[in-house]
Amino acid sequence: MKTTKHASRQAQKRGIEDKLSELVLEYGDDFKAGRNCRIFRISRTEAKFLKTECPPMLWRRYRDKLLKVASVVDRADDTLITTMHRYRPLWKRFGHRDR
């Protein structure tokens, strides 16, 4: 997947590693986000699945951070626009609740 310069800078600024973003994009659920974008995130049920699927070394390293990261991808050309920390108001805005 292509990554914009903005996404690279923001991920570095926010302390989000590339491998963590890859895990979110590969295993995360996607939701429509407007302006032809999708938001990928890992749900708690998906995290339980990842625990068995993901190599143990990766799981131990990222298990605490997986539920706290979201990635925004352009639908048209599958370009990673940005990676961000999840916070409550964002999910209320898009009508999603994390149980």
Protein backbone atom coordinates (compact mmCIF):
# COMPACT_ATOMS: atom_id res chain seq x y z
CA MET A 1 0.00 0.00 0.00
CA LYS A 2 1.22 3.49 -0.83
CA THR A 3 1.78 5.97 1.98
CA THR A 4 1.62 9.74 1.71
CA LYS A 5 4.34 11.95 3.13
CA HIS A 6 1.76 13.34 5.51
CA ALA A 7 1.01 9.85 6.85
CA SER A 8 4.69 9.13 7.40
CA ARG A 9 5.29 12.41 9.22
CA GLN A 10 2.19 12.11 11.39
CA ALA A 11 2.92 8.51 12.35
CA GLN A 12 6.46 9.49 13.37
CA LYS A 13 5.18 12.53 15.24
CA ARG A 14 2.57 10.44 17.09
CA GLY A 15 4.95 7.58 17.85
CA ILE A 16 3.08 4.98 15.80
CA GLU A 17 5.37 2.37 14.27
CA ASP A 18 4.96 1.20 10.67
CA LYS A 19 4.45 -2.42 11.72
CA LEU A 20 1.59 -1.38 14.00
CA SER A 21 -0.08 0.43 11.10
CA GLU A 22 0.39 -2.64 8.91
CA LEU A 23 -1.31 -4.84 11.52
CA VAL A 24 -4.25 -2.44 11.75
CA LEU A 25 -4.62 -2.32 7.98
CA GLU A 26 -4.28 -6.07 7.54
CA TYR A 27 -6.53 -7.29 10.35
CA GLY A 28 -8.71 -4.28 11.15
CA ASP A 29 -12.36 -3.65 10.40
CA ASP A 30 -13.05 -0.81 8.00
CA PHE A 31 -15.75 1.83 8.20
CA LYS A 32 -16.85 4.49 5.75
CA ALA A 33 -15.46 7.85 6.80
CA GLY A 34 -16.71 10.34 4.22
CA ARG A 35 -14.87 12.08 1.40
CA ASN A 36 -14.20 8.72 -0.19
CA CYS A 37 -12.15 7.40 2.75
CA ARG A 38 -12.19 4.35 5.02
CA ILE A 39 -11.07 4.10 8.64
CA PHE A 40 -9.42 0.87 9.76
CA ARG A 41 -9.32 -0.13 13.41
CA ILE A 42 -8.92 -3.26 15.52
CA SER A 43 -11.97 -4.20 17.60
CA ARG A 44 -11.71 -6.14 20.83
CA THR A 45 -13.06 -9.30 19.20
CA GLU A 46 -10.55 -8.92 16.40
CA ALA A 47 -7.78 -8.49 18.99
CA LYS A 48 -8.71 -11.85 20.53
CA PHE A 49 -8.43 -13.42 17.07
CA LEU A 50 -5.09 -11.70 16.49
CA LYS A 51 -3.71 -13.17 19.69
CA THR A 52 -3.90 -16.62 18.10
CA GLU A 53 -3.00 -15.58 14.52
CA CYS A 54 -0.20 -13.09 15.06
CA PRO A 55 3.35 -14.26 15.82
CA PRO A 56 3.86 -14.18 19.62
CA MET A 57 6.71 -11.67 19.42
CA LEU A 58 4.56 -9.15 17.51
CA TRP A 59 1.59 -9.75 19.78
CA ARG A 60 3.59 -9.06 22.94
CA ARG A 61 5.05 -5.90 21.44
CA TYR A 62 1.83 -4.34 20.14
CA ARG A 63 -1.03 -5.80 22.20
CA ASP A 64 -1.50 -2.69 24.32
CA LYS A 65 -1.39 -0.33 21.36
CA LEU A 66 -3.58 -2.20 18.86
CA LEU A 67 -6.88 -0.95 20.22
CA LYS A 68 -5.65 2.64 20.37
CA VAL A 69 -4.68 3.19 16.72
CA ALA A 70 -6.72 3.91 13.59
CA SER A 71 -5.65 4.41 9.97
CA VAL A 72 -7.41 6.44 7.28
CA VAL A 73 -7.16 5.12 3.71
CA ASP A 74 -8.32 6.65 0.42
CA ARG A 75 -10.84 4.34 -1.29
CA ALA A 76 -9.95 5.34 -4.83
CA ASP A 77 -6.29 4.34 -4.90
CA ASP A 78 -5.72 2.60 -1.53
CA THR A 79 -3.30 5.22 -0.24
CA LEU A 80 -2.69 5.55 3.50
CA ILE A 81 -3.63 9.14 4.30
CA THR A 82 -2.86 9.21 8.01
CA THR A 83 -2.51 7.07 11.11
CA MET A 84 -3.84 8.39 14.39
CA HIS A 85 -4.67 7.56 17.97
CA ARG A 86 -8.29 6.61 18.54
CA TYR A 87 -10.29 8.71 20.91
CA ARG A 88 -13.94 8.70 21.90
CA PRO A 89 -15.31 11.82 20.08
CA LEU A 90 -14.07 10.54 16.71
CA TRP A 91 -16.09 7.33 17.02
CA LYS A 92 -19.20 9.13 18.22
CA ARG A 93 -18.99 11.32 15.15
CA PHE A 94 -18.99 8.37 12.77
CA GLY A 95 -21.62 6.52 14.78
CA HIS A 96 -19.46 3.60 15.88
CA ARG A 97 -19.11 2.29 19.39
CA ASP A 98 -16.33 0.10 20.63
CA ARG A 99 -17.75 -2.46 23.01
